[in-house]
Amino acid sequence: MSENTQKRIVVVLSTALAAWTATKLAGSFLDEPERRGAGDDLKEALLQGTFSIIFTLAASWVIRNVLSKRWGS
């Protein structure tokens, strides 16, 4: 698998997983007040950013270690 293909897969996979997870967990970590404030926006941004980093690293590891061995370098 080429380096460019690996990069594309990492970006797509990590973005999709991060968005899905952050959306699901935001409901349980964040209360939905009648009026959202800056604090609520900050919490949501930190949550989404954290999951984006985590899933980017996880997707990169999967592509480089698991799929590369399966499909060859």
C-alpha atoms as a PDB file:
ATOM      1  CA  MET A   1       0.000   0.000   0.000  1.00  0.00           C
ATOM      2  CA  SER A   2       1.470   3.376  -0.950  1.00  0.00           C
ATOM      3  CA  GLU A   3       2.301   6.046   1.590  1.00  0.00           C
ATOM      4  CA  ASN A   4      -0.327   8.414   0.158  1.00  0.00           C
ATOM      5  CA  THR A   5      -3.030   5.753   0.398  1.00  0.00           C
ATOM      6  CA  GLN A   6      -2.087   5.072   3.995  1.00  0.00           C
ATOM      7  CA  LYS A   7      -2.303   8.775   4.829  1.00  0.00           C
ATOM      8  CA  ARG A   8      -5.730   9.103   3.221  1.00  0.00           C
ATOM      9  CA  ILE A   9      -7.079   6.098   5.095  1.00  0.00           C
ATOM     10  CA  VAL A  10      -5.704   7.412   8.391  1.00  0.00           C
ATOM     11  CA  VAL A  11      -7.343  10.806   7.869  1.00  0.00           C
ATOM     12  CA  VAL A  12     -10.732   9.403   6.862  1.00  0.00           C
ATOM     13  CA  LEU A  13     -10.840   6.696   9.513  1.00  0.00           C
ATOM     14  CA  SER A  14      -9.677   8.897  12.375  1.00  0.00           C
ATOM     15  CA  THR A  15     -11.995  11.754  11.447  1.00  0.00           C
ATOM     16  CA  ALA A  16     -15.024   9.489  11.221  1.00  0.00           C
ATOM     17  CA  LEU A  17     -14.290   7.715  14.508  1.00  0.00           C
ATOM     18  CA  ALA A  18     -13.507  10.934  16.361  1.00  0.00           C
ATOM     19  CA  ALA A  19     -16.655  12.679  15.181  1.00  0.00           C
ATOM     20  CA  TRP A  20     -18.864   9.715  15.989  1.00  0.00           C
ATOM     21  CA  THR A  21     -17.361   9.144  19.453  1.00  0.00           C
ATOM     22  CA  ALA A  22     -17.304  12.812  20.412  1.00  0.00           C
ATOM     23  CA  THR A  23     -20.937  13.193  19.399  1.00  0.00           C
ATOM     24  CA  LYS A  24     -22.006  10.156  21.416  1.00  0.00           C
ATOM     25  CA  LEU A  25     -20.019  11.136  24.511  1.00  0.00           C
ATOM     26  CA  ALA A  26     -20.840  14.836  24.364  1.00  0.00           C
ATOM     27  CA  GLY A  27     -24.409  14.037  25.359  1.00  0.00           C
ATOM     28  CA  SER A  28     -23.283  12.227  28.488  1.00  0.00           C
ATOM     29  CA  PHE A  29     -20.542  14.670  29.552  1.00  0.00           C
ATOM     30  CA  LEU A  30     -22.224  17.936  28.660  1.00  0.00           C
ATOM     31  CA  ASP A  31     -25.499  19.168  30.034  1.00  0.00           C
ATOM     32  CA  GLU A  32     -27.689  20.925  27.494  1.00  0.00           C
ATOM     33  CA  PRO A  33     -28.653  24.149  29.205  1.00  0.00           C
ATOM     34  CA  GLU A  34     -31.331  26.420  27.815  1.00  0.00           C
ATOM     35  CA  ARG A  35     -28.614  28.890  26.849  1.00  0.00           C
ATOM     36  CA  ARG A  36     -25.172  27.672  25.911  1.00  0.00           C
ATOM     37  CA  GLY A  37     -22.243  29.627  27.216  1.00  0.00           C
ATOM     38  CA  ALA A  38     -18.569  29.878  26.364  1.00  0.00           C
ATOM     39  CA  GLY A  39     -17.785  27.180  28.934  1.00  0.00           C
ATOM     40  CA  ASP A  40     -20.036  24.682  27.166  1.00  0.00           C
ATOM     41  CA  ASP A  41     -18.406  25.478  23.821  1.00  0.00           C
ATOM     42  CA  LEU A  42     -14.953  25.064  25.358  1.00  0.00           C
ATOM     43  CA  LYS A  43     -15.842  21.674  26.879  1.00  0.00           C
ATOM     44  CA  GLU A  44     -17.217  20.444  23.553  1.00  0.00           C
ATOM     45  CA  ALA A  45     -14.155  21.662  21.635  1.00  0.00           C
ATOM     46  CA  LEU A  46     -11.777  19.986  24.093  1.00  0.00           C
ATOM     47  CA  LEU A  47     -13.729  16.747  23.922  1.00  0.00           C
ATOM     48  CA  GLN A  48     -13.728  16.701  20.124  1.00  0.00           C
ATOM     49  CA  GLY A  49     -10.052  17.658  19.937  1.00  0.00           C
ATOM     50  CA  THR A  50      -9.036  14.940  22.367  1.00  0.00           C
ATOM     51  CA  PHE A  51     -10.874  12.236  20.469  1.00  0.00           C
ATOM     52  CA  SER A  52      -9.525  13.501  17.176  1.00  0.00           C
ATOM     53  CA  ILE A  53      -5.955  13.092  18.414  1.00  0.00           C
ATOM     54  CA  ILE A  54      -6.610   9.687  19.978  1.00  0.00           C
ATOM     55  CA  PHE A  55      -8.269   8.245  16.893  1.00  0.00           C
ATOM     56  CA  THR A  56      -5.682   9.723  14.528  1.00  0.00           C
ATOM     57  CA  LEU A  57      -2.979   7.898  16.470  1.00  0.00           C
ATOM     58  CA  ALA A  58      -5.025   4.694  16.628  1.00  0.00           C
ATOM     59  CA  ALA A  59      -5.845   4.742  12.910  1.00  0.00           C
ATOM     60  CA  SER A  60      -2.215   5.404  12.054  1.00  0.00           C
ATOM     61  CA  TRP A  61      -1.111   2.454  14.165  1.00  0.00           C
ATOM     62  CA  VAL A  62      -3.701   0.161  12.578  1.00  0.00           C
ATOM     63  CA  ILE A  63      -2.716   1.159   9.057  1.00  0.00           C
ATOM     64  CA  ARG A  64       1.014   0.878   9.635  1.00  0.00           C
ATOM     65  CA  ASN A  65       1.081  -2.308  11.695  1.00  0.00           C
ATOM     66  CA  VAL A  66      -1.957  -4.377  10.864  1.00  0.00           C
ATOM     67  CA  LEU A  67      -2.930  -3.581   7.304  1.00  0.00           C
ATOM     68  CA  SER A  68       0.623  -3.158   6.024  1.00  0.00           C
ATOM     69  CA  LYS A  69       1.472  -6.694   7.139  1.00  0.00           C
ATOM     70  CA  ARG A  70      -1.678  -8.041   5.556  1.00  0.00           C
ATOM     71  CA  TRP A  71      -1.332  -6.296   2.192  1.00  0.00           C
ATOM     72  CA  GLY A  72       2.422  -5.972   2.122  1.00  0.00           C
ATOM     73  CA  SER A  73       4.509  -2.827   1.937  1.00  0.00           C
END
